[in-house]
Amino acid sequence: MALSSSMIALLVLAIVVLVKNVVSRLQFNSKYRLPPEIPGWPIIGNTLDVPFPGGVWGHEMAKKYGEMFTCRLGGKTMVFLNSARVVSDLLEKRAAIYSSRPYRPMAQDIASGGARMLLMGHSDRWRSQRKIMHSILNGQQAESKFIPFEELEVRQLVWDYLHTPDQFYTANQRFSNSVIMSVIFGRRAQLGDEQLTKMLNIMMEFGQLLFSPTKNICDLFTWLTYLPKPIYQHEVDALSDRVSKGTAKPCFATALIEGTSKKEFNLTETEKLMIFSTLLEAGSDTSRTAITQMVAAAAAFPEWAATARAHLDELCGHNAERLPSFEDREKLPYIAAVVKETLRWRPFIQTGVPHQLTQDDVYEGYRFPAGTMFTWNAYALSLNEGDYPDAVRFNPERFLNDDLKSPLKGHWSFGTGRRVCVGYNVGFNNVWIAAACLLYCFDFEEDTENPIDTLNTIWDSVEKPPFAVKIKPRSQAHAELIKQK
């Protein structure tokens, strides 16, 4: 049967593309050398192989290929970093050339108006926005502004656990969302909040885009073209109204608006909205997930929880005299260690937002071309026996050392290098006060008929319990303490 002219043209085109790829690969291999490469398909490489979320998959690949492995994602090259040593060597010690971002036109330009700091390259614009966020979130007056929000919301959290223990996961969500809404916009939030629900839906969809290298926003998320302006502008308008009436609480947005009006900050309206968006996305789900993981760990490994309660009882009373507060932090290093182990044990970000190399570089016999993407393989890092002996076990005592000096030391949950999360203090404090109060007030028991599979992801479980757990107040006195608050 004779082939049609169109079929012949397609065949010729396929041969040309194939030959071009083979020649390009030979030229590339003669100049560069990359870590072991996962076998993939012609042209698309590993685009169909990398799952979302990729934590367990990445851990298995790390066991097979070692400290680094390479994936081809269409025309892009991504190197996964699987040990603390290589992450530190490249993303921290060589941060000057490993801190940019790959260009993602759909995520950054279409969905974010080119203004999302998280996706910006290593530029003056990025540095300027990061400096603004750092000055407001981590300045001298930051804690005095934000801690009252956290201490108010944790009282609601323990109340929710007492009265609806089977809804603990939604209580964690309400706590985390209300804290970050208070920090950003100066208002509390409830789970039934329609405006907040819209923002959370956006965050879930955009989170899949950010942390899955194989999502195609054109095909799957075209409606994001119209966001986030209408959603976040609603909150800014409501806040401006409270400011004009003199009823606004000091928060991140009031500081940003005031700084902009005084010409201290040079930001467009879109940039301001995207800063609010970034903070909300980073601050809500991360705290919720960490608190939920802590509950799972307390049920699955009750020994450490008993130790934590002994420390809390010594300070706050064996008979439920008072709730822990931030004033107790210096006297409760074990609770800080609990938070660090929570962040280490099951990272809420399973693979990081990729960094991009800005110039060719040589490392331990490998030669990386400029433009190579690098991501830290969070699950592989957290389960690396060389860095964390008996890594699958939840053991806060591994952090009773110099790691307590900084919220960032000893784990990778807030990122690394120059791209570390600017709101790490707020995030760490959220989990600290929640852990202290929940451990002081409640016992957590694993359901023997439904043991907790702690390796399975739980961060995207928002409508059903991520695992079975029995929650009850430690005593009637603890229940009465909660009711009084």
Foldseek 3Di string as FASTA:
>chain_A
DDDDPVVVVVVVVVVVVVVVVVVVVVVCVVPFFDFAEDAADPQQWCLVPQDVPRQVVLQVVCVVRHQWYWTCGRPAIEIAGQAPVVCCVPCAVVVVFFFFAFDDCCLQCQLQVNQALLRHTPDPSNVQVLVLLLCQCPNPCNCVQQQVQLVVLLLVLVVCCAPPVQCNLQSLLQSQLQSLCCQAQNGGDDPVPPLVVVLVVVLVVSVCVQQRVNDDCVPPPNVSSPDDVVSQVVSVVVSVVCVVVVNGGDHSNVVVVVCVVVVVGDDDPSNSSSVSSVSSSVGRLQSSQLLLLLLLQCAQPVPLLVVQLVQLCVPCNPLRNAADGPVCCVSRLLLLLSSLLSCLQAALRQKHRWTFGQAWDDDPHGIDHGGHTYIYRRSSHQQPCVLPPVSNHRDSVVCPDPQSVDLCPDGANQHDHPSGNSNSVVSSVSNSSNSRRQSNFKHKHADPVWRDPSNDDDSPPNPRDSGDIDIHTPDVSSVVNSVVD
